[in-house]
N, C-alpha and C. Protein backbone atom coordinates (compact mmCIF):
# COMPACT_ATOMS: atom_id res chain seq x y z
N MET A 1 29.22 -114.33 212.96
CA MET A 1 28.97 -113.45 211.83
C MET A 1 30.30 -113.10 211.17
N LYS A 2 30.33 -113.22 209.85
CA LYS A 2 31.54 -112.93 209.08
C LYS A 2 31.60 -111.45 208.72
N LYS A 3 32.80 -110.89 208.83
CA LYS A 3 33.00 -109.47 208.51
C LYS A 3 33.64 -109.35 207.13
N ILE A 4 33.02 -108.54 206.27
CA ILE A 4 33.52 -108.31 204.92
C ILE A 4 33.93 -106.84 204.79
N LEU A 5 35.18 -106.62 204.41
CA LEU A 5 35.67 -105.27 204.15
C LEU A 5 35.58 -105.01 202.65
N ILE A 6 34.80 -104.02 202.26
CA ILE A 6 34.65 -103.64 200.86
C ILE A 6 35.48 -102.38 200.63
N ILE A 7 36.55 -102.51 199.85
CA ILE A 7 37.41 -101.37 199.55
C ILE A 7 37.10 -100.94 198.12
N ASP A 8 36.32 -99.87 198.00
CA ASP A 8 35.81 -99.46 196.68
C ASP A 8 35.30 -98.03 196.77
N ASP A 9 35.59 -97.23 195.76
CA ASP A 9 35.10 -95.85 195.75
C ASP A 9 33.76 -95.70 195.03
N ASP A 10 33.21 -96.79 194.52
CA ASP A 10 31.92 -96.77 193.84
C ASP A 10 30.80 -96.93 194.87
N GLU A 11 30.30 -95.79 195.35
CA GLU A 11 29.30 -95.79 196.43
C GLU A 11 28.04 -96.58 196.06
N VAL A 12 27.62 -96.50 194.81
CA VAL A 12 26.40 -97.21 194.38
C VAL A 12 26.61 -98.72 194.47
N PHE A 13 27.75 -99.20 193.97
CA PHE A 13 28.04 -100.64 194.05
C PHE A 13 28.11 -101.10 195.50
N VAL A 14 28.81 -100.34 196.34
CA VAL A 14 28.96 -100.71 197.75
C VAL A 14 27.60 -100.79 198.43
N LYS A 15 26.78 -99.77 198.26
CA LYS A 15 25.45 -99.74 198.89
C LYS A 15 24.58 -100.90 198.38
N THR A 16 24.61 -101.15 197.08
CA THR A 16 23.83 -102.25 196.51
C THR A 16 24.28 -103.57 197.11
N LEU A 17 25.58 -103.79 197.19
CA LEU A 17 26.11 -105.03 197.75
C LEU A 17 25.76 -105.16 199.23
N GLN A 18 25.92 -104.08 199.99
CA GLN A 18 25.56 -104.11 201.41
C GLN A 18 24.09 -104.44 201.60
N ASP A 19 23.23 -103.87 200.78
CA ASP A 19 21.79 -104.14 200.89
C ASP A 19 21.44 -105.56 200.50
N PHE A 20 22.20 -106.14 199.58
CA PHE A 20 21.88 -107.47 199.05
C PHE A 20 22.40 -108.60 199.93
N LEU A 21 23.52 -108.38 200.61
CA LEU A 21 24.09 -109.43 201.47
C LEU A 21 23.19 -109.65 202.70
N PRO A 22 22.93 -110.90 203.06
CA PRO A 22 22.08 -111.17 204.23
C PRO A 22 22.70 -110.59 205.51
N LYS A 23 21.98 -109.70 206.17
CA LYS A 23 22.50 -109.00 207.36
C LYS A 23 22.70 -109.95 208.54
N GLU A 24 21.97 -111.07 208.57
CA GLU A 24 22.13 -112.01 209.68
C GLU A 24 23.40 -112.85 209.53
N LYS A 25 24.01 -112.83 208.35
CA LYS A 25 25.22 -113.62 208.12
C LYS A 25 26.48 -112.78 208.00
N TYR A 26 26.32 -111.53 207.54
CA TYR A 26 27.50 -110.72 207.22
C TYR A 26 27.40 -109.31 207.78
N GLU A 27 28.52 -108.87 208.32
CA GLU A 27 28.69 -107.47 208.69
C GLU A 27 29.63 -106.88 207.63
N THR A 28 29.25 -105.75 207.05
CA THR A 28 30.11 -105.13 206.05
C THR A 28 30.70 -103.83 206.59
N VAL A 29 31.95 -103.61 206.21
CA VAL A 29 32.66 -102.39 206.54
C VAL A 29 33.15 -101.82 205.21
N HIS A 30 33.07 -100.50 205.05
CA HIS A 30 33.42 -99.88 203.77
C HIS A 30 34.61 -98.95 203.92
N ALA A 31 35.55 -99.05 202.99
CA ALA A 31 36.66 -98.11 202.87
C ALA A 31 36.64 -97.57 201.45
N LYS A 32 36.85 -96.26 201.30
CA LYS A 32 36.78 -95.62 199.97
C LYS A 32 38.05 -95.80 199.14
N ASP A 33 39.14 -96.23 199.78
CA ASP A 33 40.39 -96.45 199.06
C ASP A 33 41.30 -97.35 199.90
N GLY A 34 42.45 -97.68 199.33
CA GLY A 34 43.37 -98.58 200.00
C GLY A 34 43.91 -98.06 201.32
N VAL A 35 44.10 -96.75 201.41
CA VAL A 35 44.60 -96.15 202.66
C VAL A 35 43.62 -96.43 203.80
N GLU A 36 42.33 -96.14 203.56
CA GLU A 36 41.31 -96.42 204.58
C GLU A 36 41.24 -97.91 204.87
N GLY A 37 41.35 -98.72 203.84
CA GLY A 37 41.28 -100.17 204.01
C GLY A 37 42.39 -100.70 204.91
N LEU A 38 43.61 -100.22 204.71
CA LEU A 38 44.73 -100.65 205.56
C LEU A 38 44.50 -100.23 207.01
N GLY A 39 43.94 -99.04 207.21
CA GLY A 39 43.64 -98.57 208.56
C GLY A 39 42.62 -99.47 209.25
N ILE A 40 41.62 -99.90 208.52
CA ILE A 40 40.60 -100.79 209.10
C ILE A 40 41.21 -102.14 209.45
N ILE A 41 42.05 -102.68 208.56
CA ILE A 41 42.68 -103.98 208.82
C ILE A 41 43.54 -103.92 210.07
N ASP A 42 44.21 -102.80 210.29
CA ASP A 42 45.05 -102.65 211.49
C ASP A 42 44.23 -102.74 212.77
N LYS A 43 42.99 -102.22 212.73
CA LYS A 43 42.14 -102.18 213.93
C LYS A 43 41.24 -103.40 214.08
N ASP A 44 40.73 -103.89 212.98
CA ASP A 44 39.67 -104.88 213.05
C ASP A 44 39.76 -105.82 211.85
N ARG A 45 40.33 -106.99 212.05
CA ARG A 45 40.61 -107.92 210.96
C ARG A 45 39.33 -108.50 210.35
N PRO A 46 39.10 -108.29 209.04
CA PRO A 46 37.92 -108.88 208.39
C PRO A 46 38.15 -110.34 208.02
N ASN A 47 37.07 -111.05 207.70
CA ASN A 47 37.15 -112.43 207.22
C ASN A 47 37.37 -112.48 205.71
N LEU A 48 37.05 -111.38 205.02
CA LEU A 48 37.17 -111.32 203.57
C LEU A 48 37.31 -109.86 203.15
N ILE A 49 38.11 -109.64 202.10
CA ILE A 49 38.24 -108.30 201.51
C ILE A 49 37.75 -108.36 200.07
N ILE A 50 36.89 -107.41 199.71
CA ILE A 50 36.50 -107.21 198.32
C ILE A 50 37.22 -105.93 197.88
N LEU A 51 38.09 -106.05 196.88
CA LEU A 51 39.02 -104.97 196.54
C LEU A 51 38.85 -104.49 195.10
N ASP A 52 38.50 -103.22 194.95
CA ASP A 52 38.46 -102.59 193.63
C ASP A 52 39.90 -102.25 193.23
N LEU A 53 40.14 -102.16 191.94
CA LEU A 53 41.50 -101.86 191.48
C LEU A 53 41.77 -100.38 191.28
N LEU A 54 40.79 -99.65 190.74
CA LEU A 54 41.00 -98.23 190.42
C LEU A 54 40.28 -97.34 191.42
N MET A 55 41.07 -96.69 192.29
CA MET A 55 40.53 -95.80 193.31
C MET A 55 41.48 -94.62 193.49
N PRO A 56 40.97 -93.51 194.04
CA PRO A 56 41.86 -92.38 194.34
C PRO A 56 42.79 -92.71 195.51
N ARG A 57 43.78 -91.92 195.70
CA ARG A 57 44.78 -92.04 196.77
C ARG A 57 45.58 -93.34 196.70
N MET A 58 44.93 -94.48 196.87
CA MET A 58 45.62 -95.76 196.79
C MET A 58 44.71 -96.78 196.14
N GLY A 59 45.11 -97.25 194.98
CA GLY A 59 44.33 -98.25 194.26
C GLY A 59 44.61 -99.66 194.75
N GLY A 60 43.99 -100.61 194.10
CA GLY A 60 44.07 -102.00 194.52
C GLY A 60 45.46 -102.61 194.45
N MET A 61 46.20 -102.32 193.39
CA MET A 61 47.55 -102.89 193.26
C MET A 61 48.48 -102.36 194.35
N GLU A 62 48.40 -101.06 194.62
CA GLU A 62 49.21 -100.47 195.71
C GLU A 62 48.81 -101.08 197.05
N PHE A 63 47.49 -101.26 197.24
CA PHE A 63 47.00 -101.88 198.47
C PHE A 63 47.62 -103.26 198.66
N LEU A 64 47.64 -104.07 197.59
CA LEU A 64 48.23 -105.41 197.68
C LEU A 64 49.71 -105.33 198.05
N ASP A 65 50.44 -104.38 197.47
CA ASP A 65 51.86 -104.21 197.80
C ASP A 65 52.04 -103.86 199.28
N ASP A 66 51.23 -102.93 199.78
CA ASP A 66 51.33 -102.53 201.19
C ASP A 66 50.91 -103.66 202.12
N LEU A 67 49.90 -104.41 201.73
CA LEU A 67 49.46 -105.54 202.55
C LEU A 67 50.56 -106.60 202.63
N ARG A 68 51.25 -106.82 201.52
CA ARG A 68 52.36 -107.77 201.50
C ARG A 68 53.45 -107.34 202.49
N GLU A 69 53.73 -106.04 202.55
CA GLU A 69 54.76 -105.53 203.46
C GLU A 69 54.37 -105.70 204.92
N LYS A 70 53.07 -105.73 205.21
CA LYS A 70 52.61 -105.89 206.59
C LYS A 70 52.93 -107.27 207.15
N LYS A 71 53.07 -108.27 206.27
CA LYS A 71 53.37 -109.64 206.70
C LYS A 71 52.41 -110.10 207.80
N LEU A 72 51.13 -110.12 207.47
CA LEU A 72 50.11 -110.56 208.42
C LEU A 72 50.35 -112.01 208.81
N GLU A 73 50.10 -112.34 210.08
CA GLU A 73 50.31 -113.72 210.50
C GLU A 73 49.26 -114.66 209.92
N LYS A 74 48.08 -114.14 209.63
CA LYS A 74 47.03 -114.96 209.02
C LYS A 74 46.52 -114.24 207.77
N GLU A 75 46.58 -114.96 206.65
CA GLU A 75 46.14 -114.42 205.37
C GLU A 75 44.64 -114.12 205.38
N ILE A 76 44.26 -113.02 204.79
CA ILE A 76 42.85 -112.66 204.62
C ILE A 76 42.49 -112.94 203.16
N PRO A 77 41.46 -113.75 202.90
CA PRO A 77 41.08 -113.97 201.51
C PRO A 77 40.60 -112.68 200.85
N ILE A 78 40.99 -112.48 199.60
CA ILE A 78 40.66 -111.26 198.86
C ILE A 78 40.01 -111.63 197.54
N LEU A 79 38.92 -110.94 197.23
CA LEU A 79 38.30 -111.03 195.90
C LEU A 79 38.48 -109.69 195.21
N ILE A 80 39.05 -109.69 194.02
CA ILE A 80 39.19 -108.48 193.23
C ILE A 80 37.83 -108.17 192.61
N SER A 81 37.42 -106.91 192.64
CA SER A 81 36.16 -106.53 191.99
C SER A 81 36.44 -105.46 190.95
N SER A 82 35.86 -105.64 189.78
CA SER A 82 36.06 -104.66 188.72
C SER A 82 35.00 -104.84 187.65
N GLN A 83 35.04 -103.97 186.67
CA GLN A 83 34.13 -104.07 185.53
C GLN A 83 34.65 -105.14 184.57
N LEU A 84 33.75 -105.75 183.83
CA LEU A 84 34.13 -106.78 182.87
C LEU A 84 35.15 -106.26 181.86
N SER A 85 35.06 -105.00 181.51
CA SER A 85 35.98 -104.42 180.53
C SER A 85 37.42 -104.35 181.05
N LYS A 86 37.60 -104.57 182.32
CA LYS A 86 38.93 -104.48 182.94
C LYS A 86 39.52 -105.87 183.20
N ILE A 87 39.14 -106.88 182.43
CA ILE A 87 39.54 -108.25 182.70
C ILE A 87 41.06 -108.43 182.70
N GLU A 88 41.78 -107.68 181.86
CA GLU A 88 43.24 -107.78 181.85
C GLU A 88 43.81 -107.28 183.18
N ASP A 89 43.27 -106.19 183.71
CA ASP A 89 43.71 -105.67 185.01
C ASP A 89 43.40 -106.66 186.12
N ILE A 90 42.23 -107.30 186.04
CA ILE A 90 41.85 -108.29 187.04
C ILE A 90 42.86 -109.44 187.03
N SER A 91 43.21 -109.92 185.86
CA SER A 91 44.17 -111.02 185.74
C SER A 91 45.51 -110.65 186.35
N LYS A 92 45.99 -109.43 186.07
CA LYS A 92 47.26 -108.97 186.64
C LYS A 92 47.19 -108.93 188.16
N ALA A 93 46.07 -108.44 188.70
CA ALA A 93 45.93 -108.34 190.15
C ALA A 93 45.88 -109.71 190.81
N ILE A 94 45.21 -110.65 190.18
CA ILE A 94 45.15 -112.01 190.74
C ILE A 94 46.55 -112.61 190.80
N VAL A 95 47.28 -112.51 189.72
CA VAL A 95 48.64 -113.06 189.69
C VAL A 95 49.53 -112.34 190.71
N ALA A 96 49.43 -111.01 190.76
CA ALA A 96 50.27 -110.22 191.67
C ALA A 96 49.95 -110.47 193.14
N GLY A 97 48.72 -110.86 193.43
CA GLY A 97 48.33 -111.00 194.83
C GLY A 97 48.10 -112.40 195.33
N MET A 98 48.41 -113.41 194.52
CA MET A 98 48.16 -114.79 194.94
C MET A 98 48.90 -115.16 196.22
N ASP A 99 50.09 -114.62 196.39
CA ASP A 99 50.89 -114.97 197.56
C ASP A 99 50.38 -114.32 198.85
N ILE A 100 49.47 -113.36 198.75
CA ILE A 100 48.97 -112.71 199.97
C ILE A 100 47.47 -112.82 200.14
N GLY A 101 46.83 -113.70 199.39
CA GLY A 101 45.43 -113.96 199.69
C GLY A 101 44.43 -113.73 198.59
N VAL A 102 44.84 -113.25 197.41
CA VAL A 102 43.86 -113.07 196.33
C VAL A 102 43.39 -114.44 195.87
N LYS A 103 42.08 -114.66 195.96
CA LYS A 103 41.50 -115.97 195.67
C LYS A 103 40.64 -115.98 194.42
N GLY A 104 40.33 -114.81 193.87
CA GLY A 104 39.48 -114.77 192.69
C GLY A 104 38.98 -113.37 192.43
N TYR A 105 37.89 -113.29 191.68
CA TYR A 105 37.37 -111.97 191.33
C TYR A 105 35.86 -112.02 191.20
N ILE A 106 35.26 -110.84 191.25
CA ILE A 106 33.84 -110.68 190.98
C ILE A 106 33.70 -109.53 189.98
N ILE A 107 32.71 -109.65 189.12
CA ILE A 107 32.43 -108.61 188.14
C ILE A 107 31.33 -107.72 188.70
N LYS A 108 31.59 -106.42 188.74
CA LYS A 108 30.59 -105.46 189.23
C LYS A 108 29.48 -105.31 188.20
N ALA A 109 28.30 -105.75 188.57
CA ALA A 109 27.12 -105.56 187.73
C ALA A 109 25.90 -105.88 188.58
N SER A 110 24.92 -105.01 188.57
CA SER A 110 23.76 -105.21 189.43
C SER A 110 22.99 -106.47 189.06
N GLU A 111 23.02 -106.87 187.79
CA GLU A 111 22.32 -108.09 187.41
C GLU A 111 23.10 -109.34 187.82
N ASN A 112 24.24 -109.14 188.39
CA ASN A 112 25.15 -110.21 188.76
C ASN A 112 25.17 -110.47 190.27
N LEU A 113 24.26 -109.88 191.03
CA LEU A 113 24.35 -109.92 192.50
C LEU A 113 24.28 -111.33 193.07
N ASP A 114 23.43 -112.20 192.53
CA ASP A 114 23.38 -113.57 193.02
C ASP A 114 24.72 -114.28 192.84
N MET A 115 25.35 -114.06 191.70
CA MET A 115 26.66 -114.67 191.45
C MET A 115 27.72 -114.08 192.37
N ILE A 116 27.65 -112.80 192.65
CA ILE A 116 28.60 -112.15 193.56
C ILE A 116 28.48 -112.75 194.95
N VAL A 117 27.25 -112.86 195.46
CA VAL A 117 27.04 -113.42 196.79
C VAL A 117 27.50 -114.87 196.83
N SER A 118 27.22 -115.62 195.79
CA SER A 118 27.66 -117.02 195.71
C SER A 118 29.18 -117.12 195.78
N GLU A 119 29.88 -116.26 195.07
CA GLU A 119 31.35 -116.26 195.08
C GLU A 119 31.88 -115.87 196.46
N ILE A 120 31.25 -114.90 197.10
CA ILE A 120 31.64 -114.49 198.45
C ILE A 120 31.47 -115.67 199.41
N GLU A 121 30.33 -116.34 199.34
CA GLU A 121 30.06 -117.47 200.24
C GLU A 121 31.03 -118.62 200.01
N LYS A 122 31.31 -118.94 198.74
CA LYS A 122 32.26 -120.02 198.44
C LYS A 122 33.65 -119.68 198.96
N THR A 123 34.07 -118.45 198.78
CA THR A 123 35.40 -118.04 199.22
C THR A 123 35.51 -118.09 200.74
N LEU A 124 34.49 -117.58 201.43
CA LEU A 124 34.51 -117.62 202.89
C LEU A 124 34.51 -119.05 203.40
N GLU A 125 33.71 -119.89 202.80
CA GLU A 125 33.63 -121.29 203.22
C GLU A 125 34.97 -122.00 203.03
N LYS A 126 35.63 -121.72 201.94
CA LYS A 126 36.87 -122.42 201.61
C LYS A 126 38.09 -121.88 202.35
N TYR A 127 38.15 -120.56 202.55
CA TYR A 127 39.39 -119.95 203.03
C TYR A 127 39.32 -119.27 204.39
N SER A 128 38.14 -119.10 204.95
CA SER A 128 38.03 -118.34 206.19
C SER A 128 37.75 -119.28 207.35
N ALA A 129 38.49 -119.10 208.42
CA ALA A 129 38.31 -119.95 209.60
C ALA A 129 37.11 -119.53 210.40
């Protein structure tokens, strides 16, 4: 079973995604911000991280900087998640995080759930051992 860490302060999006992902294939863990996310990574390494950019305490860009400083021995694939209106921020995050595991992005939208799951599955298949 693959473990997915969702770092996002949008409780509705997180719950919707957790409910939509097949429970027999994926275990999901939720962190409300980058600080919580780093704590989870220290204890229990996920197979994939879904990372929001705008959060309280520590946002996505800060999280990527701190993750880079950790110098993990094995890269964790990361998908940036954000609203379509934030496409410029998504592009910056992808470029800034390519060296530490950012592999792409997903657009948060409930009508987009099939595409989100498809992107998660493709990323796990390609980058996760």
